[in-house]
Amino acid sequence: MKKLFFPGLLACAAILFTSETATAQEFPPLDKSPMDIASFPARGSDKAVKVVYSRPQKNGREIFGGLEALGKVWRTGANEATEITFYKNTTLGGKAIKAGTYSLFTIPEKDKWTVILNSELNQWGAYEYKESSDVLRYEVPVQKTASTVEAFSIVFEKTDNGANMVMAWDDTMVSVPFVF
């Protein structure tokens, strides 16, 4: 009986200590600009493209021309620079893009945005952006949204020969046509 008592006591103590440690763990609150993923196609495993980005909020602020300066390179989201992965070769505006992962920057202006694919990955913001690492630049016209988009958002819309990557925030929207 004594031989079973001591190991049983040790097992109970281990369980109590482990559960105390697990319940004491504190997790940080939700980030103010949470990360999200947009992909095409949205369902299924045979992806053509995936974008990983953070979603800053409007929170009553003026966005383009206010929070985000017009005519300056923007990380296209918040926190880390947005990254786009092409799982197959694609084209944008007739320019070839090899399968791979790129940083996605933009230069917002009042009537157009310049979309930039850059070969430098794992960047925080656009602080160390180098134009010499650009793989491609493409201009797209600005459209006005039907209603205010509170959080920066990216979605893909299917086209006959690929997909449009639609980016919107506040009252501004752009559509980037990829052919796969």
Protein backbone atom coordinates (compact mmCIF):
# COMPACT_ATOMS: atom_id res chain seq x y z
CA MET A 1 0.00 0.00 0.00
CA LYS A 2 2.85 2.38 0.90
CA LYS A 3 4.48 1.65 -2.47
CA LEU A 4 1.40 3.00 -4.31
CA PHE A 5 0.82 6.01 -2.06
CA PHE A 6 4.01 7.95 -2.87
CA PRO A 7 3.82 7.57 -6.71
CA GLY A 8 0.12 8.47 -6.57
CA LEU A 9 0.92 11.59 -4.54
CA LEU A 10 3.59 12.60 -7.06
CA ALA A 11 1.17 12.12 -9.96
CA CYS A 12 -1.47 14.31 -8.27
CA ALA A 13 1.12 17.02 -7.55
CA ALA A 14 2.30 16.95 -11.18
CA ILE A 15 -1.27 17.32 -12.46
CA LEU A 16 -1.96 20.23 -10.10
CA PHE A 17 1.29 21.98 -11.01
CA THR A 18 0.69 21.53 -14.76
CA SER A 19 -2.90 22.79 -14.66
CA GLU A 20 -1.84 25.80 -12.55
CA THR A 21 0.82 26.69 -15.12
CA ALA A 22 -1.56 26.27 -18.06
CA THR A 23 -4.29 28.44 -16.55
CA ALA A 24 -1.78 31.14 -15.60
CA GLN A 25 -0.82 31.73 -19.25
CA GLU A 26 -1.94 35.13 -20.53
CA PHE A 27 -2.41 35.84 -24.21
CA PRO A 28 -2.18 39.28 -25.80
CA PRO A 29 -5.39 40.98 -26.96
CA LEU A 30 -6.36 41.06 -30.63
CA ASP A 31 -4.00 43.24 -32.64
CA LYS A 32 -5.43 46.61 -33.72
CA SER A 33 -4.58 45.67 -37.31
CA PRO A 34 -5.13 41.89 -37.44
CA MET A 35 -3.56 39.79 -40.18
CA ASP A 36 -5.71 38.24 -42.88
CA ILE A 37 -5.27 36.13 -46.00
CA ALA A 38 -6.94 36.51 -49.38
CA SER A 39 -6.48 33.78 -51.98
CA PHE A 40 -7.72 32.74 -55.39
CA PRO A 41 -9.54 30.55 -55.72
CA ALA A 42 -10.86 31.06 -52.20
CA ARG A 43 -11.69 27.37 -51.72
CA GLY A 44 -9.72 24.30 -52.67
CA SER A 45 -6.05 23.48 -52.56
CA ASP A 46 -5.05 24.42 -56.12
CA LYS A 47 -4.28 28.09 -55.40
CA ALA A 48 -3.03 30.49 -58.05
CA VAL A 49 -2.28 33.37 -55.66
CA LYS A 50 -2.35 34.19 -51.94
CA VAL A 51 -1.93 37.54 -50.17
CA VAL A 52 -0.99 37.85 -46.48
CA TYR A 53 -1.67 41.34 -45.12
CA SER A 54 -2.70 43.30 -42.04
CA ARG A 55 -6.02 45.16 -41.91
CA PRO A 56 -5.76 48.66 -40.44
CA GLN A 57 -9.01 50.34 -39.40
CA LYS A 58 -10.38 53.71 -40.50
CA ASN A 59 -11.61 54.72 -37.01
CA GLY A 60 -12.97 58.06 -38.24
CA ARG A 61 -9.66 59.13 -39.79
CA GLU A 62 -9.00 60.53 -43.25
CA ILE A 63 -7.09 57.73 -44.96
CA PHE A 64 -5.56 58.62 -48.34
CA GLY A 65 -4.11 62.10 -48.18
CA GLY A 66 -4.30 61.93 -44.37
CA LEU A 67 -3.07 58.83 -42.54
CA GLU A 68 -1.45 57.54 -45.74
CA ALA A 69 0.31 60.23 -47.75
CA LEU A 70 -0.46 60.50 -51.45
CA GLY A 71 2.49 59.89 -53.76
CA LYS A 72 4.53 57.91 -51.17
CA VAL A 73 5.32 54.19 -51.06
CA TRP A 74 2.86 52.40 -48.74
CA ARG A 75 3.21 48.91 -47.24
CA THR A 76 -0.36 48.19 -48.47
CA GLY A 77 -1.78 47.40 -45.06
CA ALA A 78 -0.26 47.74 -41.60
CA ASN A 79 2.70 46.36 -39.66
CA GLU A 80 4.76 44.02 -41.88
CA ALA A 81 4.80 44.71 -45.61
CA THR A 82 2.08 42.78 -47.41
CA GLU A 83 3.35 39.66 -49.21
CA ILE A 84 1.84 38.05 -52.29
CA THR A 85 2.62 34.50 -53.41
CA PHE A 86 2.01 33.31 -56.96
CA TYR A 87 1.87 29.52 -57.19
CA LYS A 88 2.10 29.61 -60.97
CA ASN A 89 3.53 32.00 -63.51
CA THR A 90 1.19 34.91 -64.18
CA THR A 91 1.05 38.23 -65.99
CA LEU A 92 0.04 41.73 -65.01
CA GLY A 93 -0.47 44.27 -67.77
CA GLY A 94 1.28 41.97 -70.23
CA LYS A 95 4.36 41.74 -67.98
CA ALA A 96 5.43 38.24 -66.90
CA ILE A 97 5.65 37.40 -63.19
CA LYS A 98 7.45 34.21 -62.15
CA ALA A 99 5.87 31.97 -59.53
CA GLY A 100 7.18 32.97 -56.10
CA THR A 101 6.65 35.34 -53.19
CA TYR A 102 7.00 39.12 -53.41
CA SER A 103 6.43 42.10 -51.13
CA LEU A 104 3.44 44.12 -52.32
CA PHE A 105 3.75 47.89 -52.07
CA THR A 106 1.58 50.60 -53.57
CA ILE A 107 1.84 54.31 -54.20
CA PRO A 108 -1.65 55.74 -53.68
CA GLU A 109 -2.55 58.89 -55.56
CA LYS A 110 -5.85 60.69 -55.97
CA ASP A 111 -6.70 59.22 -59.39
CA LYS A 112 -4.39 56.16 -59.68
CA TRP A 113 -2.28 53.74 -57.67
CA THR A 114 1.06 52.29 -58.65
CA VAL A 115 1.19 48.61 -57.68
CA ILE A 116 4.72 47.37 -56.93
CA LEU A 117 6.02 43.81 -56.65
CA ASN A 118 9.35 43.82 -54.83
CA SER A 119 11.81 40.96 -54.32
CA GLU A 120 12.82 41.90 -50.73
CA LEU A 121 10.75 39.86 -48.24
CA ASN A 122 10.09 40.06 -44.48
CA GLN A 123 10.08 43.85 -44.35
CA TRP A 124 8.52 45.90 -41.57
CA GLY A 125 6.46 48.59 -43.23
CA ALA A 126 8.11 50.40 -46.13
CA TYR A 127 10.97 51.84 -44.10
CA GLU A 128 13.66 49.84 -45.91
CA TYR A 129 11.92 49.68 -49.28
CA LYS A 130 14.39 49.80 -52.18
CA GLU A 131 13.18 50.70 -55.65
CA SER A 132 16.17 48.78 -57.05
CA SER A 133 14.50 45.55 -55.80
CA ASP A 134 11.28 46.19 -57.74
CA VAL A 135 10.30 43.33 -60.03
CA LEU A 136 7.29 45.09 -61.56
CA ARG A 137 5.31 48.35 -61.39
CA TYR A 138 1.80 48.72 -62.77
CA GLU A 139 -0.68 51.61 -62.60
CA VAL A 140 -4.39 51.09 -61.92
CA PRO A 141 -7.17 53.70 -61.79
CA VAL A 142 -8.88 54.63 -58.52
CA GLN A 143 -12.59 53.93 -58.16
CA LYS A 144 -14.94 55.16 -55.43
CA THR A 145 -16.68 52.57 -53.26
CA ALA A 146 -20.46 52.50 -52.87
CA SER A 147 -20.05 52.70 -49.08
CA THR A 148 -17.22 53.25 -46.61
CA VAL A 149 -14.89 50.28 -46.10
CA GLU A 150 -13.90 50.47 -42.41
CA ALA A 151 -10.99 47.97 -42.50
CA PHE A 152 -8.47 47.75 -45.35
CA SER A 153 -9.57 44.73 -47.39
CA ILE A 154 -8.33 42.57 -50.25
CA VAL A 155 -10.49 40.13 -52.22
CA PHE A 156 -10.15 38.33 -55.53
CA GLU A 157 -12.82 38.36 -58.23
CA LYS A 158 -12.76 35.68 -60.94
CA THR A 159 -12.37 36.84 -64.54
CA ASP A 160 -12.44 34.87 -67.80
CA ASN A 161 -8.65 34.41 -67.82
CA GLY A 162 -7.57 34.98 -64.21
CA ALA A 163 -8.64 37.19 -61.32
CA ASN A 164 -8.76 40.81 -60.26
CA MET A 165 -7.22 41.57 -56.90
CA VAL A 166 -9.51 44.24 -55.45
CA MET A 167 -8.14 46.42 -52.64
CA ALA A 168 -10.39 48.86 -50.77
CA TRP A 169 -10.30 51.14 -47.75
CA ASP A 170 -12.41 54.12 -46.79
CA ASP A 171 -14.03 55.29 -50.04
CA THR A 172 -11.19 54.17 -52.33
CA MET A 173 -10.93 50.98 -54.38
CA VAL A 174 -8.50 49.67 -57.00
CA SER A 175 -8.62 46.52 -59.11
CA VAL A 176 -5.44 44.75 -60.24
CA PRO A 177 -5.93 42.31 -63.18
CA PHE A 178 -3.86 39.11 -63.03
CA VAL A 179 -3.89 36.55 -65.86
CA PHE A 180 -2.99 32.95 -64.92
